[in-house]
Amino acid sequence: MNPFVKLWREDNGLSLIELIAVLTILSMVMGTIYGVITYGFTAYNKVTVENSLRDEADTVMSAIMTEMYTVGPTTIESIPNENGIQLTRKEITGNTITANSQIYLEAPDAEGLETKTQVVMGDYTKNPPERNIVEIKSDLNGSRIQLECNGIVSCNSGLIVVDLHLQQTDNKGVVHILNLKSRFGF
């Protein structure tokens, strides 16, 4: 009979050295498996949050572009004491205003009802004023929407600079930040 089979047929059990060797190998294998699984979950979490940030940046930029194309402004001006722009469309033949809209970043309120910076747009001349808030999970603290042109008050052409700083906290409490700077002409 094979010596290996004879060894297992005996009821002597394992020696202490064999037991320690098996436990050592098992602990190394289990430690490696744990490390791989932990790394996989961490990488998955990071990729999920970063994809969410990119999707929300796309949502904000799409909302801004849609508002601009909807209004079709003839002049754009910076909002005084605000972080945003005002779009105005006037008739070509006269000076009658046919559409107004504002796109601005609203900071958290002092009462604590809103805890994050958000993008607000809409026609402020209507009664009651039209306010459309772009619904996203990220905080836009530090973001800005500015107008670059040669005009002092309003411009017929120039650049709109959108500098977004999106922040989102994952399940482990780690803050992920995505910075996006976009410049487009009108």
C-alpha atoms as a PDB file:
ATOM      1  CA  MET A   1       0.000   0.000   0.000  1.00  0.00           C
ATOM      2  CA  ASN A   2       1.104   3.522  -0.643  1.00  0.00           C
ATOM      3  CA  PRO A   3       2.834   5.119   2.370  1.00  0.00           C
ATOM      4  CA  PHE A   4       0.685   8.240   2.058  1.00  0.00           C
ATOM      5  CA  VAL A   5      -2.525   6.217   2.246  1.00  0.00           C
ATOM      6  CA  LYS A   6      -1.156   4.281   5.234  1.00  0.00           C
ATOM      7  CA  LEU A   7      -0.421   7.559   6.997  1.00  0.00           C
ATOM      8  CA  TRP A   8      -4.001   8.775   6.577  1.00  0.00           C
ATOM      9  CA  ARG A   9      -5.516   5.433   7.598  1.00  0.00           C
ATOM     10  CA  GLU A  10      -3.881   5.682  10.986  1.00  0.00           C
ATOM     11  CA  ASP A  11      -5.862   7.476  13.649  1.00  0.00           C
ATOM     12  CA  ASN A  12      -2.920   9.446  14.993  1.00  0.00           C
ATOM     13  CA  GLY A  13      -4.186  12.832  13.712  1.00  0.00           C
ATOM     14  CA  LEU A  14      -1.964  15.741  12.793  1.00  0.00           C
ATOM     15  CA  SER A  15       1.202  16.697  14.517  1.00  0.00           C
ATOM     16  CA  LEU A  16       1.627  20.187  15.955  1.00  0.00           C
ATOM     17  CA  ILE A  17       4.071  21.159  13.212  1.00  0.00           C
ATOM     18  CA  GLU A  18       1.640  20.070  10.496  1.00  0.00           C
ATOM     19  CA  LEU A  19      -1.158  22.006  12.172  1.00  0.00           C
ATOM     20  CA  ILE A  20       0.972  25.178  12.436  1.00  0.00           C
ATOM     21  CA  ALA A  21       2.025  24.841   8.778  1.00  0.00           C
ATOM     22  CA  VAL A  22      -1.601  24.477   7.639  1.00  0.00           C
ATOM     23  CA  LEU A  23      -2.744  27.450   9.750  1.00  0.00           C
ATOM     24  CA  THR A  24       0.124  29.613   8.462  1.00  0.00           C
ATOM     25  CA  ILE A  25      -0.642  28.863   4.829  1.00  0.00           C
ATOM     26  CA  LEU A  26      -4.371  29.337   5.438  1.00  0.00           C
ATOM     27  CA  SER A  27      -3.836  32.710   7.138  1.00  0.00           C
ATOM     28  CA  MET A  28      -1.660  33.937   4.245  1.00  0.00           C
ATOM     29  CA  VAL A  29      -4.262  32.874   1.693  1.00  0.00           C
ATOM     30  CA  MET A  30      -7.134  34.409   3.688  1.00  0.00           C
ATOM     31  CA  GLY A  31      -5.184  37.649   4.195  1.00  0.00           C
ATOM     32  CA  THR A  32      -4.590  37.913   0.456  1.00  0.00           C
ATOM     33  CA  ILE A  33      -8.252  37.241  -0.300  1.00  0.00           C
ATOM     34  CA  TYR A  34      -9.337  39.863   2.255  1.00  0.00           C
ATOM     35  CA  GLY A  35      -6.957  42.433   0.757  1.00  0.00           C
ATOM     36  CA  VAL A  36      -8.208  41.819  -2.773  1.00  0.00           C
ATOM     37  CA  ILE A  37     -11.864  42.035  -1.723  1.00  0.00           C
ATOM     38  CA  THR A  38     -11.290  45.215   0.303  1.00  0.00           C
ATOM     39  CA  TYR A  39      -9.404  46.835  -2.569  1.00  0.00           C
ATOM     40  CA  GLY A  40     -12.194  45.848  -4.960  1.00  0.00           C
ATOM     41  CA  PHE A  41     -14.905  47.415  -2.800  1.00  0.00           C
ATOM     42  CA  THR A  42     -12.848  50.590  -2.323  1.00  0.00           C
ATOM     43  CA  ALA A  43     -12.164  50.895  -6.052  1.00  0.00           C
ATOM     44  CA  TYR A  44     -15.829  50.248  -6.876  1.00  0.00           C
ATOM     45  CA  ASN A  45     -16.941  52.909  -4.379  1.00  0.00           C
ATOM     46  CA  LYS A  46     -14.471  55.454  -5.757  1.00  0.00           C
ATOM     47  CA  VAL A  47     -15.454  54.806  -9.377  1.00  0.00           C
ATOM     48  CA  THR A  48     -19.156  55.016  -8.500  1.00  0.00           C
ATOM     49  CA  VAL A  49     -18.761  58.410  -6.786  1.00  0.00           C
ATOM     50  CA  GLU A  50     -16.545  59.783  -9.577  1.00  0.00           C
ATOM     51  CA  ASN A  51     -19.080  58.679 -12.213  1.00  0.00           C
ATOM     52  CA  SER A  52     -21.824  60.330 -10.186  1.00  0.00           C
ATOM     53  CA  LEU A  53     -19.809  63.565 -10.044  1.00  0.00           C
ATOM     54  CA  ARG A  54     -19.248  63.496 -13.817  1.00  0.00           C
ATOM     55  CA  ASP A  55     -22.938  62.829 -14.452  1.00  0.00           C
ATOM     56  CA  GLU A  56     -23.928  65.725 -12.206  1.00  0.00           C
ATOM     57  CA  ALA A  57     -21.436  68.060 -13.903  1.00  0.00           C
ATOM     58  CA  ASP A  58     -23.006  67.069 -17.241  1.00  0.00           C
ATOM     59  CA  THR A  59     -26.470  67.720 -15.797  1.00  0.00           C
ATOM     60  CA  VAL A  60     -25.514  71.212 -14.601  1.00  0.00           C
ATOM     61  CA  MET A  61     -23.843  72.158 -17.887  1.00  0.00           C
ATOM     62  CA  SER A  62     -26.772  70.766 -19.905  1.00  0.00           C
ATOM     63  CA  ALA A  63     -29.231  72.773 -17.804  1.00  0.00           C
ATOM     64  CA  ILE A  64     -27.205  75.971 -18.321  1.00  0.00           C
ATOM     65  CA  MET A  65     -26.935  75.401 -22.086  1.00  0.00           C
ATOM     66  CA  THR A  66     -30.642  74.547 -22.345  1.00  0.00           C
ATOM     67  CA  GLU A  67     -31.579  77.741 -20.502  1.00  0.00           C
ATOM     68  CA  MET A  68     -29.345  79.783 -22.798  1.00  0.00           C
ATOM     69  CA  TYR A  69     -30.801  78.240 -25.957  1.00  0.00           C
ATOM     70  CA  THR A  70     -34.361  78.535 -24.627  1.00  0.00           C
ATOM     71  CA  VAL A  71     -34.029  82.238 -23.839  1.00  0.00           C
ATOM     72  CA  GLY A  72     -31.855  83.072 -26.864  1.00  0.00           C
ATOM     73  CA  PRO A  73     -30.448  86.209 -25.229  1.00  0.00           C
ATOM     74  CA  THR A  74     -29.485  89.321 -27.147  1.00  0.00           C
ATOM     75  CA  THR A  75     -27.599  90.647 -24.115  1.00  0.00           C
ATOM     76  CA  ILE A  76     -25.996  89.003 -21.109  1.00  0.00           C
ATOM     77  CA  GLU A  77     -24.844  90.763 -17.967  1.00  0.00           C
ATOM     78  CA  SER A  78     -23.366  89.816 -14.623  1.00  0.00           C
ATOM     79  CA  ILE A  79     -25.741  89.828 -11.683  1.00  0.00           C
ATOM     80  CA  PRO A  80     -24.595  92.484  -9.183  1.00  0.00           C
ATOM     81  CA  ASN A  81     -23.496  90.974  -5.841  1.00  0.00           C
ATOM     82  CA  GLU A  82     -24.313  87.480  -7.110  1.00  0.00           C
ATOM     83  CA  ASN A  83     -22.416  84.592  -8.611  1.00  0.00           C
ATOM     84  CA  GLY A  84     -24.204  84.326 -11.939  1.00  0.00           C
ATOM     85  CA  ILE A  85     -25.450  85.906 -15.131  1.00  0.00           C
ATOM     86  CA  GLN A  86     -28.655  87.491 -16.377  1.00  0.00           C
ATOM     87  CA  LEU A  87     -29.952  86.674 -19.852  1.00  0.00           C
ATOM     88  CA  THR A  88     -32.160  89.191 -21.662  1.00  0.00           C
ATOM     89  CA  ARG A  89     -33.811  88.852 -25.069  1.00  0.00           C
ATOM     90  CA  LYS A  90     -35.075  92.024 -26.698  1.00  0.00           C
ATOM     91  CA  GLU A  91     -37.004  92.446 -29.918  1.00  0.00           C
ATOM     92  CA  ILE A  92     -34.814  93.357 -32.853  1.00  0.00           C
ATOM     93  CA  THR A  93     -37.067  96.207 -34.035  1.00  0.00           C
ATOM     94  CA  GLY A  94     -37.666  97.779 -30.641  1.00  0.00           C
ATOM     95  CA  ASN A  95     -36.254  97.751 -27.181  1.00  0.00           C
ATOM     96  CA  THR A  96     -39.040  95.617 -25.713  1.00  0.00           C
ATOM     97  CA  ILE A  97     -37.840  92.797 -23.479  1.00  0.00           C
ATOM     98  CA  THR A  98     -39.429  89.505 -24.525  1.00  0.00           C
ATOM     99  CA  ALA A  99     -37.591  87.111 -22.201  1.00  0.00           C
ATOM    100  CA  ASN A 100     -35.541  87.293 -19.020  1.00  0.00           C
ATOM    101  CA  SER A 101     -33.701  84.647 -17.100  1.00  0.00           C
ATOM    102  CA  GLN A 102     -31.023  84.376 -14.467  1.00  0.00           C
ATOM    103  CA  ILE A 103     -28.519  81.590 -13.961  1.00  0.00           C
ATOM    104  CA  TYR A 104     -26.732  81.814 -10.635  1.00  0.00           C
ATOM    105  CA  LEU A 105     -25.241  79.842  -7.771  1.00  0.00           C
ATOM    106  CA  GLU A 106     -27.164  80.126  -4.525  1.00  0.00           C
ATOM    107  CA  ALA A 107     -25.126  79.737  -1.344  1.00  0.00           C
ATOM    108  CA  PRO A 108     -26.498  77.884   1.691  1.00  0.00           C
ATOM    109  CA  ASP A 109     -28.967  79.960   3.674  1.00  0.00           C
ATOM    110  CA  ALA A 110     -28.245  81.237   7.170  1.00  0.00           C
ATOM    111  CA  GLU A 111     -31.273  79.418   8.628  1.00  0.00           C
ATOM    112  CA  GLY A 112     -29.759  76.050   7.758  1.00  0.00           C
ATOM    113  CA  LEU A 113     -32.684  74.910   5.592  1.00  0.00           C
ATOM    114  CA  GLU A 114     -30.378  74.398   2.634  1.00  0.00           C
ATOM    115  CA  THR A 115     -26.922  73.130   3.454  1.00  0.00           C
ATOM    116  CA  LYS A 116     -25.258  73.137   0.046  1.00  0.00           C
ATOM    117  CA  THR A 117     -24.609  75.506  -2.833  1.00  0.00           C
ATOM    118  CA  GLN A 118     -26.883  74.861  -5.810  1.00  0.00           C
ATOM    119  CA  VAL A 119     -27.574  76.133  -9.329  1.00  0.00           C
ATOM    120  CA  VAL A 120     -30.767  78.174  -9.695  1.00  0.00           C
ATOM    121  CA  MET A 121     -32.222  79.503 -12.932  1.00  0.00           C
ATOM    122  CA  GLY A 122     -35.434  81.090 -14.058  1.00  0.00           C
ATOM    123  CA  ASP A 123     -37.330  84.266 -14.890  1.00  0.00           C
ATOM    124  CA  TYR A 124     -37.153  86.664 -11.954  1.00  0.00           C
ATOM    125  CA  THR A 125     -39.584  89.176 -13.532  1.00  0.00           C
ATOM    126  CA  LYS A 126     -42.631  86.904 -13.264  1.00  0.00           C
ATOM    127  CA  ASN A 127     -44.961  87.141 -10.301  1.00  0.00           C
ATOM    128  CA  PRO A 128     -44.139  84.946  -8.384  1.00  0.00           C
ATOM    129  CA  PRO A 129     -40.549  84.633  -9.632  1.00  0.00           C
ATOM    130  CA  GLU A 130     -39.753  81.437 -11.479  1.00  0.00           C
ATOM    131  CA  ARG A 131     -37.014  79.437  -9.699  1.00  0.00           C
ATOM    132  CA  ASN A 132     -35.806  76.164 -11.143  1.00  0.00           C
ATOM    133  CA  ILE A 133     -33.206  74.430  -8.999  1.00  0.00           C
ATOM    134  CA  VAL A 134     -30.959  71.901 -10.717  1.00  0.00           C
ATOM    135  CA  GLU A 135     -31.368  68.777  -8.576  1.00  0.00           C
ATOM    136  CA  ILE A 136     -28.012  67.191  -7.801  1.00  0.00           C
ATOM    137  CA  LYS A 137     -26.525  65.449  -4.752  1.00  0.00           C
ATOM    138  CA  SER A 138     -23.176  67.235  -4.910  1.00  0.00           C
ATOM    139  CA  ASP A 139     -22.254  70.467  -3.186  1.00  0.00           C
ATOM    140  CA  LEU A 140     -21.076  73.239  -5.516  1.00  0.00           C
ATOM    141  CA  ASN A 141     -19.230  75.243  -2.867  1.00  0.00           C
ATOM    142  CA  GLY A 142     -16.471  77.311  -4.502  1.00  0.00           C
ATOM    143  CA  SER A 143     -18.062  77.182  -7.959  1.00  0.00           C
ATOM    144  CA  ARG A 144     -18.675  80.296 -10.027  1.00  0.00           C
ATOM    145  CA  ILE A 145     -20.479  81.472 -13.141  1.00  0.00           C
ATOM    146  CA  GLN A 146     -18.987  84.624 -14.636  1.00  0.00           C
ATOM    147  CA  LEU A 147     -19.185  86.769 -17.719  1.00  0.00           C
ATOM    148  CA  GLU A 148     -16.090  87.918 -19.603  1.00  0.00           C
ATOM    149  CA  CYS A 149     -16.664  90.686 -22.116  1.00  0.00           C
ATOM    150  CA  ASN A 150     -15.583  94.203 -22.978  1.00  0.00           C
ATOM    151  CA  GLY A 151     -18.887  95.821 -22.011  1.00  0.00           C
ATOM    152  CA  ILE A 152     -19.258  97.501 -18.643  1.00  0.00           C
ATOM    153  CA  VAL A 153     -22.866  96.589 -17.866  1.00  0.00           C
ATOM    154  CA  SER A 154     -24.122  94.217 -20.543  1.00  0.00           C
ATOM    155  CA  CYS A 155     -22.631  92.444 -23.538  1.00  0.00           C
ATOM    156  CA  ASN A 156     -23.887  91.329 -26.921  1.00  0.00           C
ATOM    157  CA  SER A 157     -20.968  88.909 -27.275  1.00  0.00           C
ATOM    158  CA  GLY A 158     -18.326  87.502 -24.986  1.00  0.00           C
ATOM    159  CA  LEU A 159     -17.417  84.446 -22.942  1.00  0.00           C
ATOM    160  CA  ILE A 160     -19.300  82.713 -20.168  1.00  0.00           C
ATOM    161  CA  VAL A 161     -16.987  80.962 -17.717  1.00  0.00           C
ATOM    162  CA  VAL A 162     -18.469  78.136 -15.650  1.00  0.00           C
ATOM    163  CA  ASP A 163     -16.072  76.870 -12.982  1.00  0.00           C
ATOM    164  CA  LEU A 164     -17.655  73.945 -11.128  1.00  0.00           C
ATOM    165  CA  HIS A 165     -16.216  72.391  -7.971  1.00  0.00           C
ATOM    166  CA  LEU A 166     -18.418  69.396  -7.205  1.00  0.00           C
ATOM    167  CA  GLN A 167     -17.995  67.701  -3.834  1.00  0.00           C
ATOM    168  CA  GLN A 168     -19.588  64.472  -2.729  1.00  0.00           C
ATOM    169  CA  THR A 169     -18.988  62.304   0.327  1.00  0.00           C
ATOM    170  CA  ASP A 170     -19.017  58.539  -0.102  1.00  0.00           C
ATOM    171  CA  ASN A 171     -20.291  55.893   2.332  1.00  0.00           C
ATOM    172  CA  LYS A 172     -16.991  55.828   4.224  1.00  0.00           C
ATOM    173  CA  GLY A 173     -16.969  59.604   4.755  1.00  0.00           C
ATOM    174  CA  VAL A 174     -14.268  60.306   2.151  1.00  0.00           C
ATOM    175  CA  VAL A 175     -14.842  63.562   0.245  1.00  0.00           C
ATOM    176  CA  HIS A 176     -14.421  63.280  -3.529  1.00  0.00           C
ATOM    177  CA  ILE A 177     -13.935  66.477  -5.556  1.00  0.00           C
ATOM    178  CA  LEU A 178     -14.295  67.057  -9.297  1.00  0.00           C
ATOM    179  CA  ASN A 179     -13.214  70.370 -10.832  1.00  0.00           C
ATOM    180  CA  LEU A 180     -14.624  71.340 -14.219  1.00  0.00           C
ATOM    181  CA  LYS A 181     -13.901  74.591 -16.013  1.00  0.00           C
ATOM    182  CA  SER A 182     -15.830  75.378 -19.158  1.00  0.00           C
ATOM    183  CA  ARG A 183     -15.719  78.486 -21.330  1.00  0.00           C
ATOM    184  CA  PHE A 184     -18.093  79.093 -24.185  1.00  0.00           C
ATOM    185  CA  GLY A 185     -18.925  82.081 -26.330  1.00  0.00           C
ATOM    186  CA  PHE A 186     -22.210  83.699 -27.176  1.00  0.00           C
END
